[in-house]
Protein backbone atom coordinates (compact mmCIF):
# COMPACT_ATOMS: atom_id res chain seq x y z
CA UNK A 1 -25.01 -42.61 5.98
CA UNK A 2 -23.13 -44.08 8.90
CA UNK A 3 -25.30 -45.97 11.39
CA UNK A 4 -23.10 -46.70 14.40
CA UNK A 5 -22.15 -43.96 16.89
CA UNK A 6 -18.37 -44.20 16.36
CA UNK A 7 -18.85 -44.65 12.66
CA UNK A 8 -21.23 -41.70 12.56
CA UNK A 9 -18.75 -39.42 14.34
CA UNK A 10 -15.94 -40.60 12.08
CA UNK A 11 -18.08 -40.08 9.01
CA UNK A 12 -19.03 -36.58 10.17
CA UNK A 13 -15.38 -35.66 10.84
CA UNK A 14 -14.30 -36.97 7.44
CA UNK A 15 -17.08 -35.02 5.69
CA UNK A 16 -16.11 -31.86 7.53
CA UNK A 17 -12.42 -32.43 6.79
CA UNK A 18 -13.09 -32.89 3.07
CA UNK A 19 -15.19 -29.70 2.99
CA UNK A 20 -12.48 -27.69 4.76
CA UNK A 21 -9.81 -29.11 2.45
CA UNK A 22 -11.89 -28.17 -0.62
CA UNK A 23 -12.37 -24.64 0.73
CA UNK A 24 -8.63 -24.22 1.33
CA UNK A 25 -7.78 -25.51 -2.15
CA UNK A 26 -10.36 -23.25 -3.85
CA UNK A 27 -9.21 -20.22 -1.84
CA UNK A 28 -5.58 -20.90 -2.74
CA UNK A 29 -6.44 -21.18 -6.42
CA UNK A 30 -8.40 -17.94 -6.27
CA UNK A 31 -5.52 -16.11 -4.61
CA UNK A 32 -3.10 -17.48 -7.21
CA UNK A 33 -5.33 -16.35 -10.07
CA UNK A 34 -5.74 -12.86 -8.62
CA UNK A 35 -1.98 -12.60 -7.96
CA UNK A 36 -1.20 -13.73 -11.51
CA UNK A 37 -3.59 -11.12 -12.94
CA UNK A 38 -2.03 -8.36 -10.83
CA UNK A 39 1.49 -9.37 -11.90
CA UNK A 40 0.42 -9.54 -15.55
CA UNK A 41 -1.20 -6.10 -15.58
CA UNK A 42 1.59 -4.45 -13.58
CA UNK A 43 4.57 -5.87 -15.45
CA UNK A 44 3.52 -7.11 -18.88
CA UNK A 45 0.32 -5.44 -20.13
CA UNK A 46 0.68 -2.48 -22.52
CA UNK A 47 4.45 -2.08 -22.24
CA UNK A 48 4.99 -0.20 -25.48
CA UNK A 49 7.34 2.72 -26.12
CA UNK A 50 4.57 5.23 -26.80
CA UNK A 51 3.20 7.18 -23.87
CA UNK A 52 -0.48 7.59 -23.24
CA UNK A 53 -2.53 10.27 -21.58
CA UNK A 54 -2.70 8.10 -18.46
CA UNK A 55 1.11 7.94 -18.29
CA UNK A 56 1.36 11.73 -18.48
CA UNK A 57 -1.33 12.11 -15.81
CA UNK A 58 0.45 9.61 -13.56
CA UNK A 59 3.74 11.49 -13.96
CA UNK A 60 2.04 14.80 -13.16
CA UNK A 61 0.31 13.38 -10.09
CA UNK A 62 3.56 11.81 -8.89
CA UNK A 63 5.42 15.10 -9.30
CA UNK A 64 2.67 16.99 -7.49
CA UNK A 65 2.53 14.48 -4.65
CA UNK A 66 6.31 14.69 -4.19
CA UNK A 67 6.10 18.49 -4.07
CA UNK A 68 3.22 18.43 -1.58
CA UNK A 69 5.03 15.87 0.58
CA UNK A 70 8.19 18.02 0.63
CA UNK A 71 6.22 21.14 1.51
CA UNK A 72 4.37 19.29 4.29
CA UNK A 73 7.67 17.97 5.67
CA UNK A 74 9.14 21.47 5.64
CA UNK A 75 6.07 22.87 7.42
CA UNK A 76 6.18 20.06 9.97
CA UNK A 77 9.88 20.67 10.64
CA UNK A 78 9.24 24.40 11.10
CA UNK A 79 6.43 23.78 13.58
CA UNK A 80 8.51 21.19 15.43
CA UNK A 81 11.38 23.66 15.76
CA UNK A 82 8.96 26.34 16.87
CA UNK A 83 7.52 23.99 19.48
CA UNK A 84 10.96 23.04 20.76
CA UNK A 85 12.76 26.39 20.60
CA UNK A 86 10.00 28.97 20.80
CA UNK A 87 10.22 32.39 19.13
CA UNK A 88 13.86 32.00 18.08
CA UNK A 89 12.78 29.94 15.09
CA UNK A 90 11.14 32.85 13.27
CA UNK A 91 14.35 34.89 13.55
CA UNK A 92 16.38 31.93 12.24
CA UNK A 93 13.97 31.41 9.37
CA UNK A 94 14.14 35.08 8.41
CA UNK A 95 17.95 34.89 8.50
CA UNK A 96 17.89 31.78 6.30
CA UNK A 97 15.52 33.40 3.81
CA UNK A 98 17.62 36.52 3.46
CA UNK A 99 20.92 34.62 3.55
CA UNK A 100 22.20 36.38 6.66
CA UNK A 101 23.76 34.24 9.37
CA UNK A 102 25.02 35.65 12.66
């Protein structure tokens, strides 16, 4: 334990600095370990040619989400046109659906 006032303050600052440095080093190591695990499981784990039930489910969910996103975009575009142009949009949509253009 430091006895003098200046020595005591210096000792306290050094102790605090060492603690902060240890925390930063431990946090960095933890982040590196977690990042390495994520990279391993994403890129290297279970990369065989056979497909699993989870792969089929993932493909189905991806296909469904793409379809839902496209349908939502189409609905959004229709409502945006309706907001901007009013009732003319329904007539244009009917013409597009039947293939008749004026």
